[in-house]
Amino acid sequence: MANVTIYSTPFCVYCKMSKDFFQKHNVAYEEKDVAVDLAAREDMIRKSGQMGVPVIDVDGTIVVGFDQGRLKQLLHLDAVA
């Protein structure tokens, strides 16, 4: 199983969509709330060069935003509806 971390904020619609996607496909993930966790925010910016959320780390590959197709590819969910 992939190691997935999502850097998010509580008020981000695309973050919620990403987490709903993970739940629908039974993907375990670690969530880091960059609105309150300054170390996580710095880590997210260092990894992605971005300040916007979500930033999703799948086994070291960074996905900026909710890119369902890319997430399916990285998580080997291509054959899953």
C-alpha atoms as a PDB file:
ATOM      1  CA  MET A   1       0.000   0.000   0.000  1.00  0.00           C
ATOM      2  CA  ALA A   2       1.208   3.478  -0.865  1.00  0.00           C
ATOM      3  CA  ASN A   3       2.336   5.970   1.749  1.00  0.00           C
ATOM      4  CA  VAL A   4      -0.006   8.953   1.259  1.00  0.00           C
ATOM      5  CA  THR A   5       0.133  12.328   2.991  1.00  0.00           C
ATOM      6  CA  ILE A   6      -2.267  15.166   2.241  1.00  0.00           C
ATOM      7  CA  TYR A   7      -1.401  18.712   3.238  1.00  0.00           C
ATOM      8  CA  SER A   8      -4.716  20.502   3.647  1.00  0.00           C
ATOM      9  CA  THR A   9      -6.792  23.124   5.421  1.00  0.00           C
ATOM     10  CA  PRO A  10     -10.229  22.623   6.979  1.00  0.00           C
ATOM     11  CA  PHE A  11     -11.956  25.077   4.598  1.00  0.00           C
ATOM     12  CA  CYS A  12     -10.492  23.765   1.311  1.00  0.00           C
ATOM     13  CA  VAL A  13     -13.102  22.219  -1.012  1.00  0.00           C
ATOM     14  CA  TYR A  14     -10.508  20.375  -3.104  1.00  0.00           C
ATOM     15  CA  CYS A  15      -8.930  18.959   0.064  1.00  0.00           C
ATOM     16  CA  LYS A  16     -12.308  17.519   1.048  1.00  0.00           C
ATOM     17  CA  MET A  17     -12.766  16.103  -2.448  1.00  0.00           C
ATOM     18  CA  SER A  18      -9.325  14.475  -2.210  1.00  0.00           C
ATOM     19  CA  LYS A  19     -10.082  12.920   1.184  1.00  0.00           C
ATOM     20  CA  ASP A  20     -13.476  11.691  -0.061  1.00  0.00           C
ATOM     21  CA  PHE A  21     -11.682  10.119  -3.038  1.00  0.00           C
ATOM     22  CA  PHE A  22      -9.248   8.346  -0.702  1.00  0.00           C
ATOM     23  CA  GLN A  23     -12.094   7.066   1.477  1.00  0.00           C
ATOM     24  CA  LYS A  24     -14.085   5.852  -1.543  1.00  0.00           C
ATOM     25  CA  HIS A  25     -11.065   3.851  -2.727  1.00  0.00           C
ATOM     26  CA  ASN A  26     -10.035   2.673   0.775  1.00  0.00           C
ATOM     27  CA  VAL A  27      -6.719   4.520   0.614  1.00  0.00           C
ATOM     28  CA  ALA A  28      -5.156   5.137   4.007  1.00  0.00           C
ATOM     29  CA  TYR A  29      -3.624   8.596   4.341  1.00  0.00           C
ATOM     30  CA  GLU A  30      -2.056  10.931   6.841  1.00  0.00           C
ATOM     31  CA  GLU A  31      -3.516  14.413   6.966  1.00  0.00           C
ATOM     32  CA  LYS A  32      -1.484  17.481   7.910  1.00  0.00           C
ATOM     33  CA  ASP A  33      -3.448  20.669   8.572  1.00  0.00           C
ATOM     34  CA  VAL A  34      -1.173  23.431   7.324  1.00  0.00           C
ATOM     35  CA  ALA A  35      -3.506  26.089   8.734  1.00  0.00           C
ATOM     36  CA  VAL A  36      -2.242  25.266  12.245  1.00  0.00           C
ATOM     37  CA  ASP A  37       0.868  23.102  11.761  1.00  0.00           C
ATOM     38  CA  LEU A  38       3.642  25.482  10.725  1.00  0.00           C
ATOM     39  CA  ALA A  39       6.253  22.719  10.394  1.00  0.00           C
ATOM     40  CA  ALA A  40       3.923  20.817   8.037  1.00  0.00           C
ATOM     41  CA  ARG A  41       3.335  24.013   6.044  1.00  0.00           C
ATOM     42  CA  GLU A  42       7.084  24.521   5.629  1.00  0.00           C
ATOM     43  CA  ASP A  43       7.498  20.855   4.646  1.00  0.00           C
ATOM     44  CA  MET A  44       4.699  21.195   2.064  1.00  0.00           C
ATOM     45  CA  ILE A  45       6.265  24.320   0.532  1.00  0.00           C
ATOM     46  CA  ARG A  46       9.714  22.703   0.455  1.00  0.00           C
ATOM     47  CA  LYS A  47       8.342  19.597  -1.288  1.00  0.00           C
ATOM     48  CA  SER A  48       6.029  21.320  -3.762  1.00  0.00           C
ATOM     49  CA  GLY A  49       7.118  24.932  -4.113  1.00  0.00           C
ATOM     50  CA  GLN A  50       3.433  25.750  -3.606  1.00  0.00           C
ATOM     51  CA  MET A  51       1.475  27.528  -0.892  1.00  0.00           C
ATOM     52  CA  GLY A  52      -1.927  26.362  -2.150  1.00  0.00           C
ATOM     53  CA  VAL A  53      -3.627  23.176  -0.984  1.00  0.00           C
ATOM     54  CA  PRO A  54      -4.119  20.343  -1.352  1.00  0.00           C
ATOM     55  CA  VAL A  55      -0.619  19.060  -1.843  1.00  0.00           C
ATOM     56  CA  ILE A  56      -0.566  15.273  -1.868  1.00  0.00           C
ATOM     57  CA  ASP A  57       2.554  13.167  -1.403  1.00  0.00           C
ATOM     58  CA  VAL A  58       2.213   9.610  -2.758  1.00  0.00           C
ATOM     59  CA  ASP A  59       5.389   7.668  -2.002  1.00  0.00           C
ATOM     60  CA  GLY A  60       7.474  10.797  -2.627  1.00  0.00           C
ATOM     61  CA  THR A  61       5.658  11.897  -5.794  1.00  0.00           C
ATOM     62  CA  ILE A  62       3.992  15.276  -5.295  1.00  0.00           C
ATOM     63  CA  VAL A  63       0.547  16.049  -6.703  1.00  0.00           C
ATOM     64  CA  VAL A  64      -0.610  19.660  -6.438  1.00  0.00           C
ATOM     65  CA  GLY A  65      -4.383  20.013  -6.349  1.00  0.00           C
ATOM     66  CA  PHE A  66      -7.003  17.295  -6.696  1.00  0.00           C
ATOM     67  CA  ASP A  67      -5.864  15.493  -9.849  1.00  0.00           C
ATOM     68  CA  GLN A  68      -8.048  12.399  -9.774  1.00  0.00           C
ATOM     69  CA  GLY A  69      -6.456  10.829 -12.863  1.00  0.00           C
ATOM     70  CA  ARG A  70      -2.919  11.241 -11.534  1.00  0.00           C
ATOM     71  CA  LEU A  71      -3.912   9.912  -8.112  1.00  0.00           C
ATOM     72  CA  LYS A  72      -5.539   6.854  -9.695  1.00  0.00           C
ATOM     73  CA  GLN A  73      -2.363   6.256 -11.660  1.00  0.00           C
ATOM     74  CA  LEU A  74      -0.051   6.633  -8.658  1.00  0.00           C
ATOM     75  CA  LEU A  75      -2.284   4.472  -6.449  1.00  0.00           C
ATOM     76  CA  HIS A  76      -2.791   1.841  -9.181  1.00  0.00           C
ATOM     77  CA  LEU A  77      -6.542   2.433  -9.243  1.00  0.00           C
ATOM     78  CA  ASP A  78      -6.777   2.712 -13.045  1.00  0.00           C
ATOM     79  CA  ALA A  79      -9.098  -0.314 -13.337  1.00  0.00           C
ATOM     80  CA  VAL A  80     -11.258   0.843 -10.403  1.00  0.00           C
ATOM     81  CA  ALA A  81     -14.346   2.951 -11.092  1.00  0.00           C
END
